[in-house]
Amino acid sequence: MMRRSSVSILLTACMLGWPHALKSAETEKNFTPRSLAAAIAEGNVAFERKDYGAARNAYSRVLALEPENLMGLVNLGMVEFYSGRPDKAEDLLKRAVRQRLESAPAWLTLGMIYMDRNEPDAALAALSQAMLQDPRNARTHNFLGVVMGRRGWIEGAQHELRRAVELDPSYADAHYNLAVFYLEEKPPATELARRHYQRSIELGVEKNPQMEKLFSIPPPKP
């Protein structure tokens, strides 16, 4: 029943600073810092419009120039993940975090890969690193909450999902997931679940027939 939005957060130059990102480009004969920046920008535009083929080509040009360029590794890893190539994505993202442990977008996407593979321990470790590096990222709190909930840690799941909607009140998937885990309480926190489920619907989530049926039942009289 867990929901997640489809596009992750790209690593951009402002997260790194151009001097670091372009350092080794200055010695290349065929490329310049300006052309590297243009390739990254081209890839970012293509990624945002979900043209993953064009994004792959652009980020591949970045890595042809500078094989360990952090933005190239992370963003191409995201492209491969959303293109259904998790093994390639994992390799690129692991290279990125070996180079720079503080790369929160790389850890976040690795966590999503491990969630899809049903590897909760690896997902928990990766998402915990992502949160450590970027504690105000609502998406990270959402996915971390879902992993905790899958492990049966309902209180922890609720805590992370509440943090997600505090950071981003319009985060529809986090509201939906919070509703799911309020229903996992014993007894279920039905009214809290109803509130967050209804908010998720207002924000564009499709109605869930089972939850609609559950919430249509009047609460018991005190």
Protein backbone atom coordinates (compact mmCIF):
# COMPACT_ATOMS: atom_id res chain seq x y z
CA MET A 1 0.00 0.00 0.00
CA MET A 2 3.05 2.26 0.23
CA ARG A 3 3.19 5.12 -2.25
CA ARG A 4 6.10 7.12 -3.61
CA SER A 5 6.47 9.88 -6.15
CA SER A 6 8.34 9.11 -9.34
CA VAL A 7 11.18 11.62 -9.59
CA SER A 8 14.06 12.05 -7.17
CA ILE A 9 16.19 15.10 -6.45
CA LEU A 10 19.08 15.72 -8.81
CA LEU A 11 22.49 16.62 -7.50
CA THR A 12 23.21 20.15 -8.71
CA ALA A 13 26.27 22.34 -8.84
CA CYS A 14 25.12 24.47 -5.93
CA MET A 15 25.34 21.41 -3.66
CA LEU A 16 29.02 20.99 -4.46
CA GLY A 17 30.44 24.28 -5.65
CA TRP A 18 31.73 24.54 -9.22
CA PRO A 19 35.45 24.56 -8.34
CA HIS A 20 35.18 21.03 -6.94
CA ALA A 21 32.89 19.79 -9.69
CA LEU A 22 35.03 21.10 -12.53
CA LYS A 23 38.49 20.77 -11.04
CA SER A 24 39.96 18.16 -13.36
CA ALA A 25 38.17 19.44 -16.46
CA GLU A 26 40.67 22.26 -16.81
CA THR A 27 43.38 19.87 -17.96
CA GLU A 28 41.31 18.15 -20.67
CA LYS A 29 41.95 18.93 -24.32
CA ASN A 30 38.50 18.23 -25.72
CA PHE A 31 36.35 19.74 -22.98
CA THR A 32 36.25 22.89 -20.90
CA PRO A 33 34.55 23.67 -17.61
CA ARG A 34 31.90 25.51 -19.63
CA SER A 35 31.14 22.48 -21.81
CA LEU A 36 31.00 20.23 -18.74
CA ALA A 37 28.54 22.62 -17.10
CA ALA A 38 26.47 22.67 -20.29
CA ALA A 39 26.32 18.86 -20.40
CA ILE A 40 25.19 18.72 -16.77
CA ALA A 41 22.54 21.38 -17.38
CA GLU A 42 21.35 19.53 -20.50
CA GLY A 43 21.05 16.32 -18.52
CA ASN A 44 19.13 18.03 -15.72
CA VAL A 45 16.59 19.51 -18.15
CA ALA A 46 16.11 16.14 -19.86
CA PHE A 47 15.72 14.37 -16.52
CA GLU A 48 13.07 16.81 -15.31
CA ARG A 49 11.00 16.13 -18.43
CA LYS A 50 11.61 12.36 -17.97
CA ASP A 51 13.54 12.05 -21.22
CA TYR A 52 15.90 9.51 -19.71
CA GLY A 53 17.61 8.66 -22.99
CA ALA A 54 18.71 12.25 -23.53
CA ALA A 55 19.66 12.59 -19.86
CA ARG A 56 21.76 9.42 -20.08
CA ASN A 57 23.61 10.76 -23.12
CA ALA A 58 24.33 14.08 -21.41
CA TYR A 59 25.58 12.59 -18.14
CA SER A 60 27.61 10.00 -20.05
CA ARG A 61 29.40 12.88 -21.76
CA VAL A 62 30.21 14.28 -18.32
CA LEU A 63 31.74 10.97 -17.24
CA ALA A 64 33.64 10.63 -20.51
CA LEU A 65 35.37 13.85 -19.57
CA GLU A 66 35.74 13.18 -15.87
CA PRO A 67 35.01 9.54 -14.90
CA GLU A 68 34.64 10.31 -11.19
CA ASN A 69 32.62 13.52 -11.53
CA LEU A 70 30.21 13.39 -8.60
CA MET A 71 27.26 15.05 -10.32
CA GLY A 72 27.69 12.79 -13.33
CA LEU A 73 27.80 9.64 -11.19
CA VAL A 74 24.83 10.53 -9.00
CA ASN A 75 22.58 11.87 -11.72
CA LEU A 76 23.36 9.07 -14.18
CA GLY A 77 22.67 6.64 -11.35
CA MET A 78 19.24 8.20 -10.91
CA VAL A 79 18.60 7.98 -14.65
CA GLU A 80 19.46 4.28 -14.66
CA PHE A 81 17.25 3.66 -11.62
CA TYR A 82 14.21 5.34 -13.18
CA SER A 83 14.94 3.57 -16.47
CA GLY A 84 14.62 0.19 -14.76
CA ARG A 85 18.33 -0.61 -14.58
CA PRO A 86 18.93 -0.88 -10.83
CA ASP A 87 22.20 -2.83 -11.09
CA LYS A 88 23.82 -0.11 -13.22
CA ALA A 89 22.38 2.53 -10.92
CA GLU A 90 23.77 0.82 -7.84
CA ASP A 91 27.27 0.63 -9.32
CA LEU A 92 27.29 4.34 -10.20
CA LEU A 93 25.89 5.42 -6.85
CA LYS A 94 28.33 3.30 -4.88
CA ARG A 95 31.15 4.94 -6.81
CA ALA A 96 29.67 8.31 -5.84
CA VAL A 97 29.50 7.60 -2.11
CA ARG A 98 32.99 6.10 -2.11
CA GLN A 99 34.18 9.40 -3.53
CA ARG A 100 32.08 11.60 -1.24
CA LEU A 101 30.31 10.05 1.73
CA GLU A 102 28.19 13.17 2.21
CA SER A 103 26.25 12.68 -1.05
CA ALA A 104 22.70 12.53 0.31
CA PRO A 105 20.99 12.09 -3.11
CA ALA A 106 23.16 9.03 -3.81
CA TRP A 107 22.29 7.45 -0.46
CA LEU A 108 18.60 8.22 -0.97
CA THR A 109 18.49 6.56 -4.37
CA LEU A 110 20.46 3.56 -3.09
CA GLY A 111 17.87 3.23 -0.35
CA MET A 112 15.09 3.20 -2.95
CA ILE A 113 16.92 0.51 -4.94
CA TYR A 114 17.23 -1.69 -1.86
CA MET A 115 13.57 -1.11 -0.99
CA ASP A 116 12.55 -2.32 -4.44
CA ARG A 117 14.73 -5.42 -3.95
CA ASN A 118 13.15 -6.08 -0.56
CA GLU A 119 16.51 -5.70 1.20
CA PRO A 120 15.34 -3.83 4.33
CA ASP A 121 18.66 -3.86 6.19
CA ALA A 122 20.53 -2.33 3.25
CA ALA A 123 17.69 0.14 2.65
CA LEU A 124 17.68 1.17 6.30
CA ALA A 125 21.44 1.72 6.30
CA ALA A 126 21.39 3.78 3.08
CA LEU A 127 18.41 5.91 4.08
CA SER A 128 19.89 6.53 7.53
CA GLN A 129 23.01 7.88 5.81
CA ALA A 130 20.83 10.05 3.55
CA MET A 131 19.03 11.50 6.57
CA LEU A 132 22.30 12.09 8.40
CA GLN A 133 23.62 14.11 5.47
CA ASP A 134 20.35 15.96 4.70
CA PRO A 135 18.01 15.83 7.72
CA ARG A 136 15.47 18.22 6.18
CA ASN A 137 14.71 16.09 3.12
CA ALA A 138 11.07 15.04 3.38
CA ARG A 139 11.48 12.23 0.84
CA THR A 140 14.16 10.59 2.94
CA HIS A 141 11.95 10.66 6.03
CA ASN A 142 9.09 9.19 3.98
CA PHE A 143 11.09 6.23 2.69
CA LEU A 144 12.79 5.66 6.03
CA GLY A 145 9.36 5.55 7.66
CA VAL A 146 8.13 2.99 5.15
CA VAL A 147 11.17 0.75 5.71
CA MET A 148 10.69 0.95 9.49
CA GLY A 149 7.02 0.11 9.08
CA ARG A 150 7.84 -2.92 6.97
CA ARG A 151 10.09 -4.10 9.78
CA GLY A 152 7.21 -3.76 12.22
CA TRP A 153 8.60 -0.64 13.91
CA ILE A 154 5.30 1.20 13.77
CA GLU A 155 6.18 3.99 16.21
CA GLY A 156 9.39 4.75 14.35
CA ALA A 157 7.54 4.69 11.02
CA GLN A 158 4.95 7.15 12.27
CA HIS A 159 7.65 9.44 13.66
CA GLU A 160 9.50 9.61 10.33
CA LEU A 161 6.32 10.10 8.31
CA ARG A 162 5.10 12.85 10.61
CA ARG A 163 8.45 14.54 10.11
CA ALA A 164 8.02 14.20 6.33
CA VAL A 165 4.68 16.00 6.33
CA GLU A 166 5.99 18.63 8.76
CA LEU A 167 8.80 19.40 6.33
CA ASP A 168 6.50 19.29 3.31
CA PRO A 169 2.79 19.60 4.17
CA SER A 170 1.88 19.04 0.49
CA TYR A 171 3.71 15.68 0.30
CA ALA A 172 0.77 13.50 -0.73
CA ASP A 173 2.53 10.14 -0.58
CA ALA A 174 3.78 10.76 2.96
CA HIS A 175 0.25 11.61 4.13
CA TYR A 176 -1.01 8.39 2.54
CA ASN A 177 1.76 6.28 4.06
CA LEU A 178 1.17 7.86 7.47
CA ALA A 179 -2.50 6.88 7.20
CA VAL A 180 -1.46 3.29 6.45
CA PHE A 181 0.76 3.06 9.51
CA TYR A 182 -1.78 4.71 11.81
CA LEU A 183 -4.05 1.82 10.83
CA GLU A 184 -1.28 -0.61 11.86
CA GLU A 185 -1.57 0.49 15.50
CA LYS A 186 -3.34 -1.83 17.91
CA PRO A 187 -6.03 -0.66 18.15
CA PRO A 188 -5.92 1.33 14.89
CA ALA A 189 -5.73 5.13 15.17
CA THR A 190 -8.60 5.39 12.72
CA GLU A 191 -9.37 9.08 13.02
CA LEU A 192 -5.74 10.11 12.55
CA ALA A 193 -5.51 7.72 9.61
CA ARG A 194 -8.70 9.16 8.10
CA ARG A 195 -7.35 12.70 8.39
CA HIS A 196 -4.10 11.93 6.58
CA TYR A 197 -5.78 9.70 4.00
CA GLN A 198 -8.26 12.45 3.13
CA ARG A 199 -5.43 14.96 2.89
CA SER A 200 -3.58 12.66 0.48
CA ILE A 201 -6.70 12.46 -1.70
CA GLU A 202 -7.00 16.25 -1.71
CA LEU A 203 -3.37 16.37 -2.89
CA GLY A 204 -4.00 14.02 -5.80
CA VAL A 205 -3.56 10.44 -4.60
CA GLU A 206 -6.05 8.00 -6.14
CA LYS A 207 -8.68 6.63 -3.81
CA ASN A 208 -8.05 3.21 -2.29
CA PRO A 209 -11.24 1.09 -2.29
CA GLN A 210 -10.34 -0.78 0.92
CA MET A 211 -9.58 2.40 2.82
CA GLU A 212 -12.67 4.12 1.41
CA LYS A 213 -14.78 1.24 2.73
CA LEU A 214 -13.06 1.32 6.11
CA PHE A 215 -13.49 5.05 6.56
CA SER A 216 -17.15 4.95 5.49
CA ILE A 217 -17.99 2.91 8.60
CA PRO A 218 -19.20 5.26 11.37
CA PRO A 219 -16.96 5.28 14.45
CA PRO A 220 -18.34 3.40 17.50
CA LYS A 221 -20.32 5.46 20.01
CA PRO A 222 -18.45 6.25 23.24
